[in-house]
C-alpha cells in the first residue's frame, strides 16, 4: 500500500525546493543588508585600486619621514663638515653628503617639509578662493556670472609662470612670496570646476525647496551645493598639490625660490649640478627621486579618487 503523499518524509522532498529556498533566503539577506553611503562606497572602490593605494601609502610614509626624519637624524640640517664632503651613501650617512659635508638624508626630509607645506598651502588657498568665487558665480548666474567669468578669462590668459617670476622678483624670494605667487592665478581652475558643478546642481529639487523656504544664499551654497561637489573638488586638490611642489622646486632650482642655507628639493638639485660631473650622483638622485615620485603618487591618487568618487560608476 502506497503511503499518503502528505506523510512523505523530508528526504523525499525534491532538492529543487531547497535550492529555491536558499536563493530566496540569500536574496532576503541582500535586501536586508544596510546599503553603503556615498563615501563608504567611494572608499571601497578606492581600496580596490592598487596603484592609487600605493600612491597613498607612499605619501603617508613621506609625511611621517618629513615630520620625524630630521628629528631622529644625529646631523643638523645646515651644519657644514668640509672634511667629509661628497661622502657616498654609507651606514654613517645613508644618503651621503653634499659639497659642504652636510648630511643629504637630513636635508632631504627637511626639504620634504618645505615642499609639502608649499603644496598643501597653495592647494588650500586655491580651494578657499575657488569655492567662494566659483560657487557665487554659478549660483547667481545671469549678468553676475558673465562678469565674474570674464574676470576669470582675463586671469586665465595671463602666463602663469611669468606672473610668478615677476612677483618673486618684485617681492623678493621667500617662502611666503612663493605661496602668494603660486596662488595669485592658481585658484582659477578650481573656480571654474566649482562653477560648473554648481550650475548642474542648483536646479535640483532640494535646492529649489531651500529657496522656497527663504534660506539665504550663503547657507544654500554651504549646506546644499558644496557637499554635492566635493568629489571633483578633492580630485582637483590632489592635482594642485604636485603642481605647486614642482613649481616651488623649479623656482628654487632657478634661484628664485627658497634661498640657502634653507633646504628644499629644488635648492638641493641646484647645489648638486656641479657634483654630477664629478661622479657624485647621490646629491642629485635623492631630491630628484622624491620630486618625481611625490608627483607620481599624487597623480595616481587623483586618478583613483576620480574613479572612486564618480557617481556614474557606483553600483
C-alpha atoms as a PDB file:
ATOM      1  CA  UNK A   1       0.000   0.000   0.000  1.00  0.00           C
ATOM      2  CA  UNK A   2       1.373   3.360  -1.028  1.00  0.00           C
ATOM      3  CA  UNK A   3       1.937   5.876   1.753  1.00  0.00           C
ATOM      4  CA  UNK A   4      -0.071   9.063   1.807  1.00  0.00           C
ATOM      5  CA  UNK A   5       1.625  11.910  -0.036  1.00  0.00           C
ATOM      6  CA  UNK A   6       1.087  14.185   2.973  1.00  0.00           C
ATOM      7  CA  UNK A   7       3.055  11.758   5.131  1.00  0.00           C
ATOM      8  CA  UNK A   8       6.185  11.729   2.953  1.00  0.00           C
ATOM      9  CA  UNK A   9       9.417  12.188   4.875  1.00  0.00           C
ATOM     10  CA  UNK A  10      11.524  15.279   4.220  1.00  0.00           C
ATOM     11  CA  UNK A  11      14.009  13.059   2.406  1.00  0.00           C
ATOM     12  CA  UNK A  12      11.527  12.640  -0.454  1.00  0.00           C
ATOM     13  CA  UNK A  13      11.098  16.384  -0.968  1.00  0.00           C
ATOM     14  CA  UNK A  14      12.775  17.457  -4.236  1.00  0.00           C
ATOM     15  CA  UNK A  15      16.204  19.083  -3.972  1.00  0.00           C
ATOM     16  CA  UNK A  16      14.996  21.945  -6.168  1.00  0.00           C
ATOM     17  CA  UNK A  17      12.798  23.144  -3.314  1.00  0.00           C
ATOM     18  CA  UNK A  18      15.796  23.583  -1.025  1.00  0.00           C
ATOM     19  CA  UNK A  19      17.779  25.318  -3.781  1.00  0.00           C
ATOM     20  CA  UNK A  20      14.916  27.735  -4.389  1.00  0.00           C
ATOM     21  CA  UNK A  21      14.556  28.300  -0.659  1.00  0.00           C
ATOM     22  CA  UNK A  22      18.249  29.033  -0.312  1.00  0.00           C
ATOM     23  CA  UNK A  23      18.172  31.554  -3.140  1.00  0.00           C
ATOM     24  CA  UNK A  24      15.171  33.249  -1.622  1.00  0.00           C
ATOM     25  CA  UNK A  25      16.909  33.465   1.764  1.00  0.00           C
ATOM     26  CA  UNK A  26      20.059  34.919   0.200  1.00  0.00           C
ATOM     27  CA  UNK A  27      18.013  37.475  -1.681  1.00  0.00           C
ATOM     28  CA  UNK A  28      16.239  38.459   1.517  1.00  0.00           C
ATOM     29  CA  UNK A  29      19.572  38.836   3.312  1.00  0.00           C
ATOM     30  CA  UNK A  30      20.863  41.000   0.454  1.00  0.00           C
ATOM     31  CA  UNK A  31      17.832  43.270   0.687  1.00  0.00           C
ATOM     32  CA  UNK A  32      18.073  43.461   4.469  1.00  0.00           C
ATOM     33  CA  UNK A  33      21.803  44.295   4.413  1.00  0.00           C
ATOM     34  CA  UNK A  34      22.330  48.047   5.003  1.00  0.00           C
ATOM     35  CA  UNK A  35      23.483  49.926   1.915  1.00  0.00           C
ATOM     36  CA  UNK A  36      26.781  51.769   1.846  1.00  0.00           C
ATOM     37  CA  UNK A  37      26.873  55.543   1.954  1.00  0.00           C
ATOM     38  CA  UNK A  38      28.432  57.527  -0.882  1.00  0.00           C
ATOM     39  CA  UNK A  39      31.749  57.986   0.932  1.00  0.00           C
ATOM     40  CA  UNK A  40      31.871  54.381   2.157  1.00  0.00           C
ATOM     41  CA  UNK A  41      31.301  53.119  -1.365  1.00  0.00           C
ATOM     42  CA  UNK A  42      33.945  55.535  -2.698  1.00  0.00           C
ATOM     43  CA  UNK A  43      36.485  54.266  -0.160  1.00  0.00           C
ATOM     44  CA  UNK A  44      35.649  50.642  -1.046  1.00  0.00           C
ATOM     45  CA  UNK A  45      36.323  51.340  -4.716  1.00  0.00           C
ATOM     46  CA  UNK A  46      39.482  53.298  -3.938  1.00  0.00           C
ATOM     47  CA  UNK A  47      40.889  50.393  -1.900  1.00  0.00           C
ATOM     48  CA  UNK A  48      40.446  48.120  -4.927  1.00  0.00           C
ATOM     49  CA  UNK A  49      42.694  50.451  -6.966  1.00  0.00           C
ATOM     50  CA  UNK A  50      46.121  49.071  -6.047  1.00  0.00           C
ATOM     51  CA  UNK A  51      48.086  51.815  -7.795  1.00  0.00           C
ATOM     52  CA  UNK A  52      46.140  54.588  -6.035  1.00  0.00           C
ATOM     53  CA  UNK A  53      46.595  52.877  -2.657  1.00  0.00           C
ATOM     54  CA  UNK A  54      50.324  52.524  -3.331  1.00  0.00           C
ATOM     55  CA  UNK A  55      50.457  56.270  -4.004  1.00  0.00           C
ATOM     56  CA  UNK A  56      48.531  56.976  -0.806  1.00  0.00           C
ATOM     57  CA  UNK A  57      50.870  54.745   1.209  1.00  0.00           C
ATOM     58  CA  UNK A  58      53.920  56.490  -0.268  1.00  0.00           C
ATOM     59  CA  UNK A  59      52.514  59.913   0.659  1.00  0.00           C
ATOM     60  CA  UNK A  60      51.742  58.783   4.215  1.00  0.00           C
ATOM     61  CA  UNK A  61      55.282  57.460   4.654  1.00  0.00           C
ATOM     62  CA  UNK A  62      56.728  60.611   3.090  1.00  0.00           C
ATOM     63  CA  UNK A  63      54.779  62.774   5.531  1.00  0.00           C
ATOM     64  CA  UNK A  64      55.926  60.704   8.524  1.00  0.00           C
ATOM     65  CA  UNK A  65      59.574  60.885   7.423  1.00  0.00           C
ATOM     66  CA  UNK A  66      59.247  64.624   6.789  1.00  0.00           C
ATOM     67  CA  UNK A  67      57.975  65.101  10.357  1.00  0.00           C
ATOM     68  CA  UNK A  68      60.278  62.744  12.239  1.00  0.00           C
ATOM     69  CA  UNK A  69      63.260  62.288   9.887  1.00  0.00           C
ATOM     70  CA  UNK A  70      65.171  65.473  10.813  1.00  0.00           C
ATOM     71  CA  UNK A  71      64.372  64.895  14.483  1.00  0.00           C
ATOM     72  CA  UNK A  72      65.735  61.351  14.537  1.00  0.00           C
ATOM     73  CA  UNK A  73      68.824  62.167  12.491  1.00  0.00           C
ATOM     74  CA  UNK A  74      72.004  62.875  14.527  1.00  0.00           C
ATOM     75  CA  UNK A  75      73.081  65.518  11.996  1.00  0.00           C
ATOM     76  CA  UNK A  76      71.944  69.135  11.773  1.00  0.00           C
ATOM     77  CA  UNK A  77      70.373  70.237   8.535  1.00  0.00           C
ATOM     78  CA  UNK A  78      72.696  73.197   7.871  1.00  0.00           C
ATOM     79  CA  UNK A  79      75.844  72.185   9.730  1.00  0.00           C
ATOM     80  CA  UNK A  80      78.829  72.096   7.367  1.00  0.00           C
ATOM     81  CA  UNK A  81      81.573  69.480   7.676  1.00  0.00           C
ATOM     82  CA  UNK A  82      84.013  70.233   4.862  1.00  0.00           C
ATOM     83  CA  UNK A  83      86.431  67.342   5.580  1.00  0.00           C
ATOM     84  CA  UNK A  84      83.521  64.933   4.920  1.00  0.00           C
ATOM     85  CA  UNK A  85      82.198  66.472   1.734  1.00  0.00           C
ATOM     86  CA  UNK A  86      80.937  64.196  -1.046  1.00  0.00           C
ATOM     87  CA  UNK A  87      80.884  61.082   1.110  1.00  0.00           C
ATOM     88  CA  UNK A  88      78.965  58.292  -0.706  1.00  0.00           C
ATOM     89  CA  UNK A  89      75.927  56.620   0.924  1.00  0.00           C
ATOM     90  CA  UNK A  90      77.042  54.523   3.886  1.00  0.00           C
ATOM     91  CA  UNK A  91      75.944  53.401   7.343  1.00  0.00           C
ATOM     92  CA  UNK A  92      77.048  56.785   8.725  1.00  0.00           C
ATOM     93  CA  UNK A  93      75.375  58.888   6.040  1.00  0.00           C
ATOM     94  CA  UNK A  94      72.534  56.905   4.458  1.00  0.00           C
ATOM     95  CA  UNK A  95      72.148  59.305   1.524  1.00  0.00           C
ATOM     96  CA  UNK A  96      75.760  60.530   1.526  1.00  0.00           C
ATOM     97  CA  UNK A  97      76.933  64.121   1.980  1.00  0.00           C
ATOM     98  CA  UNK A  98      76.929  67.167  -0.310  1.00  0.00           C
ATOM     99  CA  UNK A  99      79.556  69.727  -1.334  1.00  0.00           C
ATOM    100  CA  UNK A 100      79.610  71.234   2.161  1.00  0.00           C
ATOM    101  CA  UNK A 101      79.667  67.942   4.036  1.00  0.00           C
ATOM    102  CA  UNK A 102      76.028  68.242   5.066  1.00  0.00           C
ATOM    103  CA  UNK A 103      74.010  65.065   5.528  1.00  0.00           C
ATOM    104  CA  UNK A 104      71.794  64.553   2.463  1.00  0.00           C
ATOM    105  CA  UNK A 105      69.401  62.291   4.389  1.00  0.00           C
ATOM    106  CA  UNK A 106      68.579  65.053   6.881  1.00  0.00           C
ATOM    107  CA  UNK A 107      68.315  67.717   4.197  1.00  0.00           C
ATOM    108  CA  UNK A 108      66.058  65.525   2.045  1.00  0.00           C
ATOM    109  CA  UNK A 109      63.433  65.174   4.778  1.00  0.00           C
ATOM    110  CA  UNK A 110      63.759  68.816   5.765  1.00  0.00           C
ATOM    111  CA  UNK A 111      63.200  69.684   2.104  1.00  0.00           C
ATOM    112  CA  UNK A 112      60.137  67.417   2.124  1.00  0.00           C
ATOM    113  CA  UNK A 113      58.689  69.587   4.899  1.00  0.00           C
ATOM    114  CA  UNK A 114      59.047  72.724   2.803  1.00  0.00           C
ATOM    115  CA  UNK A 115      57.820  71.155  -0.423  1.00  0.00           C
ATOM    116  CA  UNK A 116      54.761  69.547   1.180  1.00  0.00           C
ATOM    117  CA  UNK A 117      53.975  72.745   3.099  1.00  0.00           C
ATOM    118  CA  UNK A 118      54.108  74.850  -0.065  1.00  0.00           C
ATOM    119  CA  UNK A 119      51.982  72.347  -1.979  1.00  0.00           C
ATOM    120  CA  UNK A 120      49.327  71.993   0.720  1.00  0.00           C
ATOM    121  CA  UNK A 121      49.112  75.726   1.457  1.00  0.00           C
ATOM    122  CA  UNK A 122      48.780  76.560  -2.243  1.00  0.00           C
ATOM    123  CA  UNK A 123      46.055  73.918  -2.613  1.00  0.00           C
ATOM    124  CA  UNK A 124      44.128  75.153   0.449  1.00  0.00           C
ATOM    125  CA  UNK A 125      44.249  78.789  -0.685  1.00  0.00           C
ATOM    126  CA  UNK A 126      43.154  77.797  -4.188  1.00  0.00           C
ATOM    127  CA  UNK A 127      40.378  75.738  -2.624  1.00  0.00           C
ATOM    128  CA  UNK A 128      39.106  78.585  -0.449  1.00  0.00           C
ATOM    129  CA  UNK A 129      39.109  81.259  -3.164  1.00  0.00           C
ATOM    130  CA  UNK A 130      37.883  78.890  -5.871  1.00  0.00           C
ATOM    131  CA  UNK A 131      34.939  77.605  -3.840  1.00  0.00           C
ATOM    132  CA  UNK A 132      33.750  81.081  -2.852  1.00  0.00           C
ATOM    133  CA  UNK A 133      34.221  82.643  -6.288  1.00  0.00           C
ATOM    134  CA  UNK A 134      33.021  79.702  -8.364  1.00  0.00           C
ATOM    135  CA  UNK A 135      30.111  78.946  -6.044  1.00  0.00           C
ATOM    136  CA  UNK A 136      28.784  82.512  -6.171  1.00  0.00           C
ATOM    137  CA  UNK A 137      29.274  82.757  -9.921  1.00  0.00           C
ATOM    138  CA  UNK A 138      27.436  79.517 -10.660  1.00  0.00           C
ATOM    139  CA  UNK A 139      24.646  80.100  -8.158  1.00  0.00           C
ATOM    140  CA  UNK A 140      23.871  83.701  -9.079  1.00  0.00           C
ATOM    141  CA  UNK A 141      24.066  83.149 -12.836  1.00  0.00           C
ATOM    142  CA  UNK A 142      22.938  85.798 -15.331  1.00  0.00           C
ATOM    143  CA  UNK A 143      24.869  89.038 -15.540  1.00  0.00           C
ATOM    144  CA  UNK A 144      26.801  88.378 -12.327  1.00  0.00           C
ATOM    145  CA  UNK A 145      28.074  85.093 -13.726  1.00  0.00           C
ATOM    146  CA  UNK A 146      29.055  86.733 -17.025  1.00  0.00           C
ATOM    147  CA  UNK A 147      31.084  89.470 -15.312  1.00  0.00           C
ATOM    148  CA  UNK A 148      32.808  87.066 -12.927  1.00  0.00           C
ATOM    149  CA  UNK A 149      33.668  84.664 -15.741  1.00  0.00           C
ATOM    150  CA  UNK A 150      35.147  87.458 -17.877  1.00  0.00           C
ATOM    151  CA  UNK A 151      37.486  88.253 -14.961  1.00  0.00           C
ATOM    152  CA  UNK A 152      38.488  84.599 -14.777  1.00  0.00           C
ATOM    153  CA  UNK A 153      39.164  84.518 -18.515  1.00  0.00           C
ATOM    154  CA  UNK A 154      41.475  87.536 -18.224  1.00  0.00           C
ATOM    155  CA  UNK A 155      43.402  85.908 -15.340  1.00  0.00           C
ATOM    156  CA  UNK A 156      43.479  82.572 -17.145  1.00  0.00           C
ATOM    157  CA  UNK A 157      45.023  84.227 -20.202  1.00  0.00           C
ATOM    158  CA  UNK A 158      47.980  85.575 -18.216  1.00  0.00           C
ATOM    159  CA  UNK A 159      51.163  83.488 -18.493  1.00  0.00           C
ATOM    160  CA  UNK A 160      51.234  81.674 -15.167  1.00  0.00           C
ATOM    161  CA  UNK A 161      54.985  81.218 -14.880  1.00  0.00           C
ATOM    162  CA  UNK A 162      55.683  84.796 -15.990  1.00  0.00           C
ATOM    163  CA  UNK A 163      53.364  86.186 -13.290  1.00  0.00           C
ATOM    164  CA  UNK A 164      55.020  84.037 -10.631  1.00  0.00           C
ATOM    165  CA  UNK A 165      58.535  85.080 -11.647  1.00  0.00           C
ATOM    166  CA  UNK A 166      57.600  88.775 -11.757  1.00  0.00           C
ATOM    167  CA  UNK A 167      56.104  88.627  -8.270  1.00  0.00           C
ATOM    168  CA  UNK A 168      59.179  86.853  -6.913  1.00  0.00           C
ATOM    169  CA  UNK A 169      61.433  89.476  -8.478  1.00  0.00           C
ATOM    170  CA  UNK A 170      59.358  92.373  -7.104  1.00  0.00           C
ATOM    171  CA  UNK A 171      58.630  90.978  -3.624  1.00  0.00           C
ATOM    172  CA  UNK A 172      61.872  89.081  -3.169  1.00  0.00           C
ATOM    173  CA  UNK A 173      62.319  85.311  -2.895  1.00  0.00           C
ATOM    174  CA  UNK A 174      60.948  83.789   0.298  1.00  0.00           C
ATOM    175  CA  UNK A 175      58.591  81.042   1.411  1.00  0.00           C
ATOM    176  CA  UNK A 176      55.674  83.467   1.845  1.00  0.00           C
ATOM    177  CA  UNK A 177      56.296  85.071  -1.533  1.00  0.00           C
ATOM    178  CA  UNK A 178      56.299  81.682  -3.262  1.00  0.00           C
ATOM    179  CA  UNK A 179      52.922  80.777  -1.761  1.00  0.00           C
ATOM    180  CA  UNK A 180      51.454  84.160  -2.753  1.00  0.00           C
ATOM    181  CA  UNK A 181      52.862  83.914  -6.268  1.00  0.00           C
ATOM    182  CA  UNK A 182      51.540  80.384  -6.792  1.00  0.00           C
ATOM    183  CA  UNK A 183      48.023  81.319  -5.684  1.00  0.00           C
ATOM    184  CA  UNK A 184      47.582  84.666  -7.472  1.00  0.00           C
ATOM    185  CA  UNK A 185      46.082  82.944 -10.508  1.00  0.00           C
ATOM    186  CA  UNK A 186      46.227  79.318  -9.343  1.00  0.00           C
ATOM    187  CA  UNK A 187      42.664  79.388  -7.967  1.00  0.00           C
ATOM    188  CA  UNK A 188      41.147  79.996 -11.410  1.00  0.00           C
ATOM    189  CA  UNK A 189      40.978  76.300 -12.306  1.00  0.00           C
ATOM    190  CA  UNK A 190      39.265  75.432  -9.022  1.00  0.00           C
ATOM    191  CA  UNK A 191      36.727  78.237  -9.501  1.00  0.00           C
ATOM    192  CA  UNK A 192      35.786  77.007 -12.963  1.00  0.00           C
ATOM    193  CA  UNK A 193      35.278  73.447 -11.724  1.00  0.00           C
ATOM    194  CA  UNK A 194      33.118  74.578  -8.791  1.00  0.00           C
ATOM    195  CA  UNK A 195      31.055  76.846 -11.045  1.00  0.00           C
ATOM    196  CA  UNK A 196      30.369  74.017 -13.485  1.00  0.00           C
ATOM    197  CA  UNK A 197      29.237  71.700 -10.696  1.00  0.00           C
ATOM    198  CA  UNK A 198      27.017  74.353  -9.106  1.00  0.00           C
ATOM    199  CA  UNK A 199      25.353  75.112 -12.440  1.00  0.00           C
ATOM    200  CA  UNK A 200      24.302  71.462 -12.649  1.00  0.00           C
ATOM    201  CA  UNK A 201      23.074  71.119  -9.074  1.00  0.00           C
ATOM    202  CA  UNK A 202      21.379  74.454  -8.381  1.00  0.00           C
ATOM    203  CA  UNK A 203      18.166  73.446 -10.198  1.00  0.00           C
ATOM    204  CA  UNK A 204      17.723  70.199  -8.276  1.00  0.00           C
ATOM    205  CA  UNK A 205      14.578  69.825  -6.185  1.00  0.00           C
ATOM    206  CA  UNK A 206      16.264  70.030  -2.773  1.00  0.00           C
ATOM    207  CA  UNK A 207      17.939  73.324  -3.720  1.00  0.00           C
ATOM    208  CA  UNK A 208      14.674  74.789  -5.028  1.00  0.00           C
ATOM    209  CA  UNK A 209      12.962  73.675  -1.827  1.00  0.00           C
ATOM    210  CA  UNK A 210      15.554  75.530   0.257  1.00  0.00           C
ATOM    211  CA  UNK A 211      14.948  78.659  -1.832  1.00  0.00           C
ATOM    212  CA  UNK A 212      11.187  78.399  -1.333  1.00  0.00           C
ATOM    213  CA  UNK A 213      11.691  78.356   2.432  1.00  0.00           C
ATOM    214  CA  UNK A 214      13.669  81.594   2.240  1.00  0.00           C
ATOM    215  CA  UNK A 215      17.098  80.157   3.005  1.00  0.00           C
ATOM    216  CA  UNK A 216      19.867  82.676   2.434  1.00  0.00           C
ATOM    217  CA  UNK A 217      22.358  82.217  -0.409  1.00  0.00           C
ATOM    218  CA  UNK A 218      25.488  81.537   1.731  1.00  0.00           C
ATOM    219  CA  UNK A 219      23.674  78.784   3.632  1.00  0.00           C
ATOM    220  CA  UNK A 220      22.368  77.162   0.438  1.00  0.00           C
ATOM    221  CA  UNK A 221      25.864  77.127  -1.018  1.00  0.00           C
ATOM    222  CA  UNK A 222      27.365  75.782   2.207  1.00  0.00           C
ATOM    223  CA  UNK A 223      24.711  73.184   3.064  1.00  0.00           C
ATOM    224  CA  UNK A 224      23.254  72.085  -0.275  1.00  0.00           C
ATOM    225  CA  UNK A 225      25.659  72.816  -3.106  1.00  0.00           C
ATOM    226  CA  UNK A 226      29.193  72.299  -1.774  1.00  0.00           C
ATOM    227  CA  UNK A 227      28.628  68.848  -0.195  1.00  0.00           C
ATOM    228  CA  UNK A 228      27.473  67.604  -3.609  1.00  0.00           C
ATOM    229  CA  UNK A 229      30.536  68.981  -5.410  1.00  0.00           C
ATOM    230  CA  UNK A 230      33.209  67.628  -3.053  1.00  0.00           C
ATOM    231  CA  UNK A 231      34.193  64.793  -5.386  1.00  0.00           C
ATOM    232  CA  UNK A 232      35.598  66.958  -8.214  1.00  0.00           C
ATOM    233  CA  UNK A 233      36.995  69.413  -5.651  1.00  0.00           C
ATOM    234  CA  UNK A 234      39.006  66.702  -3.857  1.00  0.00           C
ATOM    235  CA  UNK A 235      40.317  65.384  -7.165  1.00  0.00           C
ATOM    236  CA  UNK A 236      41.382  68.884  -8.228  1.00  0.00           C
ATOM    237  CA  UNK A 237      43.187  69.361  -4.911  1.00  0.00           C
ATOM    238  CA  UNK A 238      45.218  66.177  -5.415  1.00  0.00           C
ATOM    239  CA  UNK A 239      46.341  67.599  -8.767  1.00  0.00           C
ATOM    240  CA  UNK A 240      47.055  71.086  -7.406  1.00  0.00           C
ATOM    241  CA  UNK A 241      49.469  69.891  -4.714  1.00  0.00           C
ATOM    242  CA  UNK A 242      52.016  68.232  -7.059  1.00  0.00           C
ATOM    243  CA  UNK A 243      51.835  71.194  -9.442  1.00  0.00           C
ATOM    244  CA  UNK A 244      52.728  73.560  -6.599  1.00  0.00           C
ATOM    245  CA  UNK A 245      55.514  71.241  -5.383  1.00  0.00           C
ATOM    246  CA  UNK A 246      57.042  71.104  -8.846  1.00  0.00           C
ATOM    247  CA  UNK A 247      56.697  74.883  -9.292  1.00  0.00           C
ATOM    248  CA  UNK A 248      58.490  75.501  -5.977  1.00  0.00           C
ATOM    249  CA  UNK A 249      61.261  73.065  -6.885  1.00  0.00           C
ATOM    250  CA  UNK A 250      61.646  74.643 -10.319  1.00  0.00           C
ATOM    251  CA  UNK A 251      61.778  78.187  -8.943  1.00  0.00           C
ATOM    252  CA  UNK A 252      64.225  77.180  -6.201  1.00  0.00           C
ATOM    253  CA  UNK A 253      66.345  75.457  -8.838  1.00  0.00           C
ATOM    254  CA  UNK A 254      66.480  78.754 -10.753  1.00  0.00           C
ATOM    255  CA  UNK A 255      67.418  80.619  -7.585  1.00  0.00           C
ATOM    256  CA  UNK A 256      64.071  82.441  -7.280  1.00  0.00           C
ATOM    257  CA  UNK A 257      62.526  80.296  -4.544  1.00  0.00           C
ATOM    258  CA  UNK A 258      63.835  79.101  -1.208  1.00  0.00           C
ATOM    259  CA  UNK A 259      67.258  80.539  -0.522  1.00  0.00           C
ATOM    260  CA  UNK A 260      70.262  78.808   1.039  1.00  0.00           C
ATOM    261  CA  UNK A 261      71.040  77.750   3.696  1.00  0.00           C
ATOM    262  CA  UNK A 262      67.441  76.520   3.901  1.00  0.00           C
ATOM    263  CA  UNK A 263      66.917  73.179   2.226  1.00  0.00           C
ATOM    264  CA  UNK A 264      64.276  72.312  -0.320  1.00  0.00           C
ATOM    265  CA  UNK A 265      64.368  69.724  -3.060  1.00  0.00           C
ATOM    266  CA  UNK A 266      64.886  72.445  -5.664  1.00  0.00           C
ATOM    267  CA  UNK A 267      67.750  74.031  -3.725  1.00  0.00           C
ATOM    268  CA  UNK A 268      69.395  70.626  -3.285  1.00  0.00           C
ATOM    269  CA  UNK A 269      69.098  69.935  -7.015  1.00  0.00           C
ATOM    270  CA  UNK A 270      70.656  73.314  -7.805  1.00  0.00           C
ATOM    271  CA  UNK A 271      73.549  72.723  -5.395  1.00  0.00           C
ATOM    272  CA  UNK A 272      74.292  69.313  -6.920  1.00  0.00           C
ATOM    273  CA  UNK A 273      74.659  70.344 -10.575  1.00  0.00           C
ATOM    274  CA  UNK A 274      78.428  70.581 -10.425  1.00  0.00           C
ATOM    275  CA  UNK A 275      78.677  67.389  -8.388  1.00  0.00           C
ATOM    276  CA  UNK A 276      77.127  65.276 -11.134  1.00  0.00           C
ATOM    277  CA  UNK A 277      80.052  65.966 -13.475  1.00  0.00           C
ATOM    278  CA  UNK A 278      82.478  64.675 -10.842  1.00  0.00           C
ATOM    279  CA  UNK A 279      80.505  61.450 -10.299  1.00  0.00           C
ATOM    280  CA  UNK A 280      78.771  62.353  -7.025  1.00  0.00           C
ATOM    281  CA  UNK A 281      75.395  61.170  -8.303  1.00  0.00           C
ATOM    282  CA  UNK A 282      73.669  60.809  -4.914  1.00  0.00           C
ATOM    283  CA  UNK A 283      73.499  64.576  -4.344  1.00  0.00           C
ATOM    284  CA  UNK A 284      71.024  64.925  -7.235  1.00  0.00           C
ATOM    285  CA  UNK A 285      69.474  61.464  -7.246  1.00  0.00           C
ATOM    286  CA  UNK A 286      67.620  61.671  -3.934  1.00  0.00           C
ATOM    287  CA  UNK A 287      65.936  65.097  -4.337  1.00  0.00           C
ATOM    288  CA  UNK A 288      65.075  64.285  -7.958  1.00  0.00           C
ATOM    289  CA  UNK A 289      63.719  60.877  -6.927  1.00  0.00           C
ATOM    290  CA  UNK A 290      61.402  62.298  -4.282  1.00  0.00           C
ATOM    291  CA  UNK A 291      60.194  65.137  -6.529  1.00  0.00           C
ATOM    292  CA  UNK A 292      59.321  62.637  -9.253  1.00  0.00           C
ATOM    293  CA  UNK A 293      57.690  60.022  -7.040  1.00  0.00           C
ATOM    294  CA  UNK A 294      55.753  62.573  -4.999  1.00  0.00           C
ATOM    295  CA  UNK A 295      54.224  63.997  -8.159  1.00  0.00           C
ATOM    296  CA  UNK A 296      53.551  60.470  -9.444  1.00  0.00           C
ATOM    297  CA  UNK A 297      51.900  59.450  -6.159  1.00  0.00           C
ATOM    298  CA  UNK A 298      49.596  62.479  -6.118  1.00  0.00           C
ATOM    299  CA  UNK A 299      48.633  61.948  -9.755  1.00  0.00           C
ATOM    300  CA  UNK A 300      47.770  58.246  -9.399  1.00  0.00           C
ATOM    301  CA  UNK A 301      45.887  59.023  -6.189  1.00  0.00           C
ATOM    302  CA  UNK A 302      43.958  61.737  -8.022  1.00  0.00           C
ATOM    303  CA  UNK A 303      43.090  59.331 -10.837  1.00  0.00           C
ATOM    304  CA  UNK A 304      41.935  56.759  -8.305  1.00  0.00           C
ATOM    305  CA  UNK A 305      39.806  59.306  -6.462  1.00  0.00           C
ATOM    306  CA  UNK A 306      38.280  60.461  -9.729  1.00  0.00           C
ATOM    307  CA  UNK A 307      37.092  56.919 -10.445  1.00  0.00           C
ATOM    308  CA  UNK A 308      36.050  56.249  -6.855  1.00  0.00           C
ATOM    309  CA  UNK A 309      34.046  59.471  -6.472  1.00  0.00           C
ATOM    310  CA  UNK A 310      32.327  59.255  -9.851  1.00  0.00           C
ATOM    311  CA  UNK A 311      28.624  58.603  -9.077  1.00  0.00           C
ATOM    312  CA  UNK A 312      28.135  57.091 -12.538  1.00  0.00           C
ATOM    313  CA  UNK A 313      30.404  54.172 -11.586  1.00  0.00           C
ATOM    314  CA  UNK A 314      28.617  53.478  -8.304  1.00  0.00           C
ATOM    315  CA  UNK A 315      26.870  50.104  -8.173  1.00  0.00           C
END
